[in-house]
Amino acid sequence: MKYRIAQLIAPTDLGASGTKVVDVNVNKMISRIVITFKTTKASNGMSAGAPANIPKIELVTGSTPLHSLTGYENQALAYYSHPGIVLDHGQHVSTLSEFDTYIISFGRWLWDQELAFDPMRFVNPQLKITWDEDVSDTSVTVNELTVWAYIFDEKQVSPIGFLQAIEHFDYTCGSANSYEPIELPEDHVIRQILVRAHRAGYEPWYQIDEARFDEGTMDRIPFEFNNLENYYRRMKSEWPMISQQVVVAPGSGGQDYYLPMTDYNAGIQLIGMGGTEEAYMTTAAARGGKFSLKTTTGVNLAGIAYGYLPWHCYQFPMGLKNDISDWYDPAGKKPRLRLRASSSGSSGTGQVVIEELHKY
C-alpha cells in the first residue's frame, strides 16, 4: 500500500486538563497529522466555541516550534486552506458527543509529494496538545483524544520542505484608532497570513478594522485595507463559504451556540426532529458566531449553519496558494504588518498567524 494511516494516540480520556506529549516516532514522510477531541456534553448550550477546549497545538523539535497554534487558529487555517472542509460534527446536544477535528497540514493538499514532514531530519520531534475539557461546556467530565498520522508508506517521495504555521504575535488590542506595528520574520517564504480579531459576540472588524503590509521604511506597500469589513465583503468572491451540519436543542428557555462563522450575516436553517418546531434567533444577528436560539417546544433541531470569517480570522494570501515559486519572500525586505484597533479596541485580542515554507 502506498499510504498508511496510523494512530499516534489511541482514543484516550486524558482527564480534566493538561498537556499531552507524544514522540513522533515515525521513520517515513508524514503528509498530515489529524487530531480529534470528543467530549460528552452535559448541557444543551455552549459557553464558548468548541476549540476553546484546545488552547494550544504544538509540534516541536527541542525548544523550536514547527507548528504552534491555538485550536481556534488551527481550524481557521484549515478552513481557508482546504475549501469545503468540515471540522465540527455539529452535534450540540446534552448527553451526546461534541466531536471536533484539528489538522496539521504539511502540504498544500493531502498526499502532496513536494511538501511533507520528514521526522528523521529532526531530533526527537514531539507533538504537544494542551486541553481543557470543560471550557466550551462547563459541565463536561468525559473526553476522548485521538491522533492520526497520514504516512507515505511504500510510496517514495522526496519533499523539499513542509508548511509550518506559527502564531507570531498575540496582544490585547489598544483603544479605538490606535495602531499595532508588528515586525514579521524574514527567515522563511510566507504562503499566507491570518489575523484573528476576537471579542465574543462581535464581528472581527469591531476589534481590528485596518491592515497595512509594508516593507522597509514604506518603500513598498503590497497591500493596505482601510476598511476590513469591506475587505471581507469583497473576498466573498474568493473565499469559500463555511457550511456545516448542526443539531441543537435550545428549548423555550433559549441557549447560546458558538459556531465558526463570525460575520454579521452568518445564518442558520433548522427543522424540528420528531415534531413540529419553530426556531428563531433572539438577537438581530449571530454576531461573532454567537447564535442565541429559542424554540417553541423542546424537540431537537437539525440544520445547516453557514457564513464566513472562521473563528474571527481574516486571511491575507501572499501569492497563488498552490504555486510554491509564487509565495512571498521576505528576506532583506523588513516586512511589517500594521493593524488598527476599532471601536471595540481593548475589549478583545488580536493574533497574527504566519504559514511559511520550511525548507530542508
Protein backbone atom coordinates (compact mmCIF):
# COMPACT_ATOMS: atom_id res chain seq x y z
CA MET A 1 0.00 0.00 0.00
CA LYS A 2 1.39 3.40 -0.96
CA TYR A 3 -0.15 5.16 2.03
CA ARG A 4 -0.79 4.32 5.65
CA ILE A 5 -2.93 5.99 8.31
CA ALA A 6 -1.64 5.19 11.77
CA GLN A 7 -2.71 6.13 15.29
CA LEU A 8 -0.16 8.10 17.27
CA ILE A 9 -2.53 8.27 20.23
CA ALA A 10 -5.31 5.70 20.64
CA PRO A 11 -8.67 7.01 21.92
CA THR A 12 -7.99 8.11 25.49
CA ASP A 13 -9.74 10.08 28.22
CA LEU A 14 -6.93 12.33 29.41
CA GLY A 15 -8.66 13.76 32.47
CA ALA A 16 -9.84 17.29 33.05
CA SER A 17 -6.92 19.32 31.66
CA GLY A 18 -3.22 19.27 30.94
CA THR A 19 -0.73 18.82 28.10
CA LYS A 20 -0.29 15.51 26.30
CA VAL A 21 3.19 14.94 24.87
CA VAL A 22 3.85 12.22 22.30
CA ASP A 23 7.08 11.42 20.48
CA VAL A 24 6.64 11.35 16.71
CA ASN A 25 8.47 8.06 16.25
CA VAL A 26 7.84 7.67 12.54
CA ASN A 27 10.65 6.93 10.10
CA LYS A 28 8.74 7.91 6.98
CA MET A 29 7.30 11.08 5.49
CA ILE A 30 4.09 12.41 7.01
CA SER A 31 1.56 14.31 4.89
CA ARG A 32 -0.81 15.31 7.66
CA ILE A 33 -1.49 14.89 11.37
CA VAL A 34 -5.14 14.83 12.42
CA ILE A 35 -6.31 15.35 15.99
CA THR A 36 -9.84 14.63 17.16
CA PHE A 37 -11.21 15.71 20.52
CA LYS A 38 -14.56 14.41 21.71
CA THR A 39 -16.45 15.43 24.82
CA THR A 40 -19.72 14.08 26.17
CA LYS A 41 -21.92 17.12 26.53
CA ALA A 42 -23.67 17.70 29.82
CA SER A 43 -25.71 20.76 28.79
CA ASN A 44 -27.51 21.86 25.65
CA GLY A 45 -25.84 25.25 25.25
CA MET A 46 -22.26 26.43 24.87
CA SER A 47 -20.16 28.91 26.85
CA ALA A 48 -17.55 29.19 24.08
CA GLY A 49 -16.67 27.62 20.76
CA ALA A 50 -15.54 24.00 20.91
CA PRO A 51 -11.90 24.88 20.02
CA ALA A 52 -11.67 26.70 23.37
CA ASN A 53 -11.12 23.18 24.77
CA ILE A 54 -7.78 23.01 22.90
CA PRO A 55 -5.73 26.07 23.97
CA LYS A 56 -2.60 25.00 22.08
CA ILE A 57 -1.36 22.51 19.49
CA GLU A 58 2.41 22.32 19.04
CA LEU A 59 4.86 20.27 17.04
CA VAL A 60 8.37 20.92 18.34
CA THR A 61 11.94 19.79 17.97
CA GLY A 62 13.65 20.62 21.24
CA SER A 63 12.53 24.17 22.00
CA THR A 64 11.92 25.06 18.34
CA PRO A 65 8.28 25.14 17.23
CA LEU A 66 7.38 23.66 13.84
CA HIS A 67 3.66 24.20 14.35
CA SER A 68 2.22 26.29 17.17
CA LEU A 69 -1.40 27.44 17.09
CA THR A 70 -4.46 27.58 19.30
CA GLY A 71 -7.37 25.32 18.46
CA TYR A 72 -9.23 28.30 17.01
CA GLU A 73 -6.29 29.28 14.79
CA ASN A 74 -5.66 25.72 13.68
CA GLN A 75 -9.23 25.28 12.48
CA ALA A 76 -9.37 28.72 10.85
CA LEU A 77 -6.23 27.96 8.85
CA ALA A 78 -7.71 24.65 7.70
CA TYR A 79 -10.97 26.32 6.61
CA TYR A 80 -9.03 28.75 4.42
CA SER A 81 -6.53 26.18 3.09
CA HIS A 82 -8.97 23.38 2.27
CA PRO A 83 -12.26 24.73 0.83
CA GLY A 84 -15.33 22.74 1.79
CA ILE A 85 -13.69 21.08 4.79
CA VAL A 86 -15.84 20.22 7.84
CA LEU A 87 -14.12 20.21 11.23
CA ASP A 88 -17.12 20.11 13.57
CA HIS A 89 -19.51 17.15 13.71
CA GLY A 90 -22.10 19.76 14.66
CA GLN A 91 -23.86 17.84 17.45
CA HIS A 92 -24.50 20.25 20.31
CA VAL A 93 -27.00 18.36 22.50
CA SER A 94 -26.73 17.23 26.13
CA THR A 95 -25.57 13.61 26.66
CA LEU A 96 -24.36 13.37 23.04
CA SER A 97 -20.83 13.75 21.63
CA GLU A 98 -19.23 17.07 20.75
CA PHE A 99 -16.63 15.99 18.18
CA ASP A 100 -14.03 18.30 16.65
CA THR A 101 -11.11 17.86 14.28
CA TYR A 102 -7.78 19.72 14.11
CA ILE A 103 -5.34 19.35 11.22
CA ILE A 104 -1.63 19.92 10.84
CA SER A 105 -1.24 20.07 7.06
CA PHE A 106 2.37 19.73 5.96
CA GLY A 107 1.45 20.00 2.28
CA ARG A 108 -0.80 22.08 0.08
CA TRP A 109 -3.16 19.12 -0.12
CA LEU A 110 -3.29 15.62 1.34
CA TRP A 111 -0.51 13.46 -0.13
CA ASP A 112 1.37 16.45 -1.57
CA GLN A 113 4.62 14.83 -2.76
CA GLU A 114 6.60 18.07 -2.84
CA LEU A 115 5.78 19.22 0.70
CA ALA A 116 5.71 16.74 3.60
CA PHE A 117 7.17 16.38 7.10
CA ASP A 118 10.27 14.24 7.48
CA PRO A 119 10.63 13.36 11.20
CA MET A 120 14.08 11.89 10.59
CA ARG A 121 15.52 15.35 9.88
CA PHE A 122 14.79 16.49 13.44
CA VAL A 123 15.93 15.44 16.89
CA ASN A 124 13.06 13.84 18.82
CA PRO A 125 10.12 15.73 17.26
CA GLN A 126 7.21 15.85 19.69
CA LEU A 127 3.56 16.67 19.44
CA LYS A 128 2.20 18.64 22.40
CA ILE A 129 -1.55 19.07 22.81
CA THR A 130 -2.90 21.23 25.62
CA TRP A 131 -6.53 20.55 26.51
CA ASP A 132 -9.19 21.65 28.99
CA GLU A 133 -12.36 19.60 28.62
CA ASP A 134 -14.92 21.94 30.21
CA VAL A 135 -14.41 25.35 28.59
CA SER A 136 -16.97 25.08 25.80
CA ASP A 137 -19.41 23.17 28.02
CA THR A 138 -18.61 23.90 31.66
CA SER A 139 -20.33 20.71 32.88
CA VAL A 140 -18.28 18.22 30.83
CA THR A 141 -16.46 15.44 32.70
CA VAL A 142 -15.72 12.96 29.87
CA ASN A 143 -13.37 13.41 26.90
CA GLU A 144 -11.54 11.39 24.27
CA LEU A 145 -8.42 12.43 22.35
CA THR A 146 -7.16 10.58 19.27
CA VAL A 147 -4.25 11.45 16.96
CA TRP A 148 -3.66 10.07 13.46
CA ALA A 149 -0.65 10.34 11.15
CA TYR A 150 -1.12 10.14 7.37
CA ILE A 151 2.11 8.45 6.26
CA PHE A 152 3.73 7.85 2.90
CA ASP A 153 4.34 4.12 3.24
CA GLU A 154 5.54 2.24 0.15
CA LYS A 155 5.40 5.40 -1.95
CA GLN A 156 8.84 7.02 -2.10
CA VAL A 157 8.76 10.82 -2.07
CA SER A 158 11.46 13.49 -1.76
CA PRO A 159 9.83 16.65 -0.42
CA ILE A 160 11.72 19.95 -0.49
CA GLY A 161 10.21 21.00 2.84
CA PHE A 162 6.89 21.40 4.62
CA LEU A 163 4.37 24.02 5.63
CA GLN A 164 4.75 25.31 9.16
CA ALA A 165 2.19 27.55 10.86
CA ILE A 166 3.13 29.64 13.88
CA GLU A 167 1.27 32.19 15.99
CA HIS A 168 3.78 35.00 15.59
CA PHE A 169 2.10 37.69 17.70
CA ASP A 170 -0.56 37.81 20.42
CA TYR A 171 -1.71 41.04 22.02
CA THR A 172 -4.53 42.93 23.68
CA CYS A 173 -5.76 45.48 21.17
CA GLY A 174 -5.37 49.14 22.09
CA SER A 175 -8.00 51.82 22.30
CA ALA A 176 -10.01 52.80 19.21
CA ASN A 177 -7.86 54.02 16.29
CA SER A 178 -4.56 53.02 17.91
CA TYR A 179 -2.03 51.12 15.79
CA GLU A 180 -0.01 48.00 16.47
CA PRO A 181 3.12 47.72 14.27
CA ILE A 182 4.27 44.10 14.02
CA GLU A 183 7.65 43.16 12.57
CA LEU A 184 7.45 39.94 10.59
CA PRO A 185 10.16 37.26 10.35
CA GLU A 186 12.40 37.13 7.30
CA ASP A 187 13.74 33.57 7.51
CA HIS A 188 11.05 31.68 5.54
CA VAL A 189 8.92 32.24 2.47
CA ILE A 190 5.36 33.15 3.50
CA ARG A 191 2.29 31.48 1.98
CA GLN A 192 -0.44 33.27 3.92
CA ILE A 193 -1.11 35.42 6.97
CA LEU A 194 -4.15 35.17 9.26
CA VAL A 195 -5.18 37.94 11.63
CA ARG A 196 -7.54 36.91 14.42
CA ALA A 197 -9.54 39.82 15.84
CA HIS A 198 -11.54 38.36 18.69
CA ARG A 199 -14.19 39.61 21.05
CA ALA A 200 -17.01 37.24 21.95
CA GLY A 201 -20.25 38.19 20.24
CA TYR A 202 -18.67 40.77 17.88
CA GLU A 203 -17.56 40.66 14.27
CA PRO A 204 -13.78 40.87 13.68
CA TRP A 205 -13.90 44.44 12.34
CA TYR A 206 -15.10 45.68 15.73
CA GLN A 207 -11.64 44.73 17.02
CA ILE A 208 -9.35 45.37 14.06
CA ASP A 209 -10.62 47.31 11.07
CA GLU A 210 -7.48 48.30 9.12
CA ALA A 211 -4.43 46.37 7.95
CA ARG A 212 -1.36 47.55 6.07
CA PHE A 213 1.57 45.42 4.92
CA ASP A 214 4.69 47.42 4.11
CA GLU A 215 8.40 46.88 3.53
CA GLY A 216 11.39 48.83 4.86
CA THR A 217 10.55 52.46 5.51
CA MET A 218 7.38 52.03 3.47
CA ASP A 219 9.46 51.59 0.30
CA ARG A 220 6.66 49.34 -0.87
CA ILE A 221 3.14 48.75 0.39
CA PRO A 222 1.95 45.42 -1.08
CA PHE A 223 -1.49 45.93 0.45
CA GLU A 224 -3.37 48.44 2.54
CA PHE A 225 -7.01 47.87 3.50
CA ASN A 226 -8.60 50.82 5.29
CA ASN A 227 -11.91 49.05 5.88
CA LEU A 228 -11.70 45.35 6.73
CA GLU A 229 -15.46 44.97 6.71
CA ASN A 230 -15.41 45.95 3.04
CA TYR A 231 -12.38 43.70 2.53
CA TYR A 232 -14.39 40.75 3.85
CA ARG A 233 -17.33 41.65 1.61
CA ARG A 234 -15.10 41.72 -1.46
CA MET A 235 -13.30 38.50 -0.50
CA LYS A 236 -16.60 36.61 -0.55
CA SER A 237 -15.83 36.33 -4.27
CA GLU A 238 -12.65 34.39 -3.40
CA TRP A 239 -13.14 32.71 -0.02
CA PRO A 240 -15.22 29.55 0.25
CA MET A 241 -18.32 29.77 2.43
CA ILE A 242 -18.16 27.66 5.57
CA SER A 243 -21.15 25.32 5.73
CA GLN A 244 -21.75 22.63 8.32
CA GLN A 245 -24.46 20.44 9.76
CA VAL A 246 -25.78 21.25 13.21
CA VAL A 247 -28.07 19.56 15.72
CA VAL A 248 -29.22 21.73 18.62
CA ALA A 249 -31.80 21.71 21.42
CA PRO A 250 -32.28 25.30 22.64
CA GLY A 251 -35.78 24.78 24.11
CA SER A 252 -38.17 27.56 25.08
CA GLY A 253 -35.67 28.95 27.61
CA GLY A 254 -33.07 29.53 24.89
CA GLN A 255 -29.39 28.61 24.54
CA ASP A 256 -26.25 30.15 23.06
CA TYR A 257 -24.21 28.30 20.44
CA TYR A 258 -20.75 29.39 19.24
CA LEU A 259 -20.05 28.35 15.65
CA PRO A 260 -17.08 29.00 13.31
CA MET A 261 -18.66 31.61 11.01
CA THR A 262 -18.34 35.05 12.65
CA ASP A 263 -19.59 37.58 10.08
CA TYR A 264 -22.70 39.67 10.79
CA ASN A 265 -24.78 37.84 8.18
CA ALA A 266 -23.93 34.32 9.29
CA GLY A 267 -27.10 32.26 9.17
CA ILE A 268 -28.71 29.03 10.28
CA GLN A 269 -31.62 26.98 8.90
CA LEU A 270 -33.29 24.47 11.24
CA ILE A 271 -36.11 21.94 11.18
CA GLY A 272 -37.69 20.01 14.07
CA MET A 273 -36.76 16.35 14.57
CA GLY A 274 -39.72 14.20 15.51
CA GLY A 275 -42.15 17.09 15.85
CA THR A 276 -43.27 20.45 14.54
CA GLU A 277 -40.98 23.17 15.78
CA GLU A 278 -40.38 26.86 15.29
CA ALA A 279 -36.88 28.12 15.96
CA TYR A 280 -35.64 31.68 15.93
CA MET A 281 -32.66 33.83 16.92
CA THR A 282 -33.35 36.09 19.88
CA THR A 283 -30.88 38.69 18.57
CA ALA A 284 -30.82 40.68 15.32
CA ALA A 285 -27.83 38.67 14.05
CA ALA A 286 -25.43 35.89 15.01
CA ARG A 287 -22.64 38.39 15.60
CA GLY A 288 -19.20 36.90 16.06
CA GLY A 289 -20.53 33.36 15.65
CA LYS A 290 -22.80 33.59 18.71
CA PHE A 291 -26.16 32.05 17.78
CA SER A 292 -28.72 32.77 20.52
CA LEU A 293 -31.59 30.41 19.76
CA LYS A 294 -35.04 29.64 21.15
CA THR A 295 -37.77 27.20 20.16
CA THR A 296 -41.47 26.87 20.93
CA THR A 297 -41.20 23.38 22.44
CA GLY A 298 -38.38 21.02 23.39
CA VAL A 299 -37.57 18.78 20.41
CA ASN A 300 -34.14 18.65 18.81
CA LEU A 301 -33.50 20.53 15.58
CA ALA A 302 -31.23 19.68 12.66
CA GLY A 303 -30.00 22.06 10.02
CA ILE A 304 -27.20 23.94 8.32
CA ALA A 305 -25.14 26.89 9.58
CA TYR A 306 -23.21 28.99 7.10
CA GLY A 307 -21.06 32.10 6.78
CA TYR A 308 -17.53 33.49 6.57
CA LEU A 309 -14.55 34.55 8.70
CA PRO A 310 -13.77 31.33 10.60
CA TRP A 311 -13.28 31.94 14.32
CA HIS A 312 -12.79 35.72 13.85
CA CYS A 313 -9.92 35.31 11.36
CA TYR A 314 -9.12 37.38 8.28
CA GLN A 315 -6.93 35.75 5.64
CA PHE A 316 -4.31 37.62 3.61
CA PRO A 317 -2.94 35.43 0.78
CA MET A 318 0.71 36.06 -0.09
CA GLY A 319 0.71 34.56 -3.57
CA LEU A 320 -1.01 31.82 -5.55
CA LYS A 321 -1.70 29.26 -2.85
CA ASN A 322 -0.59 26.17 -4.81
CA ASP A 323 2.44 27.66 -6.60
CA ILE A 324 5.46 27.48 -4.29
CA SER A 325 7.52 29.77 -6.51
CA ASP A 326 4.86 32.49 -6.23
CA TRP A 327 4.87 32.87 -2.42
CA TYR A 328 6.24 35.96 -0.72
CA ASP A 329 9.96 36.00 0.07
CA PRO A 330 10.56 38.47 2.95
CA ALA A 331 14.37 38.15 3.03
CA GLY A 332 16.01 41.56 3.37
CA LYS A 333 12.73 43.45 2.97
CA LYS A 334 12.00 44.24 6.64
CA PRO A 335 8.28 43.47 6.31
CA ARG A 336 5.83 44.90 8.80
CA LEU A 337 2.12 44.40 9.42
CA ARG A 338 0.33 47.42 10.88
CA LEU A 339 -3.09 46.81 12.45
CA ARG A 340 -5.53 49.49 13.62
CA ALA A 341 -7.85 48.84 16.54
CA SER A 342 -11.53 49.56 16.02
CA SER A 343 -14.29 50.77 18.34
CA SER A 344 -14.18 47.59 20.45
CA GLY A 345 -10.45 48.11 20.94
CA SER A 346 -9.05 46.93 24.25
CA SER A 347 -12.10 44.76 24.98
CA GLY A 348 -10.60 41.94 22.92
CA THR A 349 -7.45 40.42 21.49
CA GLY A 350 -5.52 40.13 18.26
CA GLN A 351 -3.29 37.34 16.98
CA VAL A 352 -1.15 37.06 13.87
CA VAL A 353 -0.57 33.63 12.32
CA ILE A 354 2.01 33.06 9.62
CA GLU A 355 2.11 29.96 7.41
CA GLU A 356 5.60 29.55 5.99
CA LEU A 357 7.64 27.21 3.84
CA HIS A 358 10.20 25.38 5.97
CA LYS A 359 12.80 24.12 3.52
CA TYR A 360 15.08 21.16 4.21
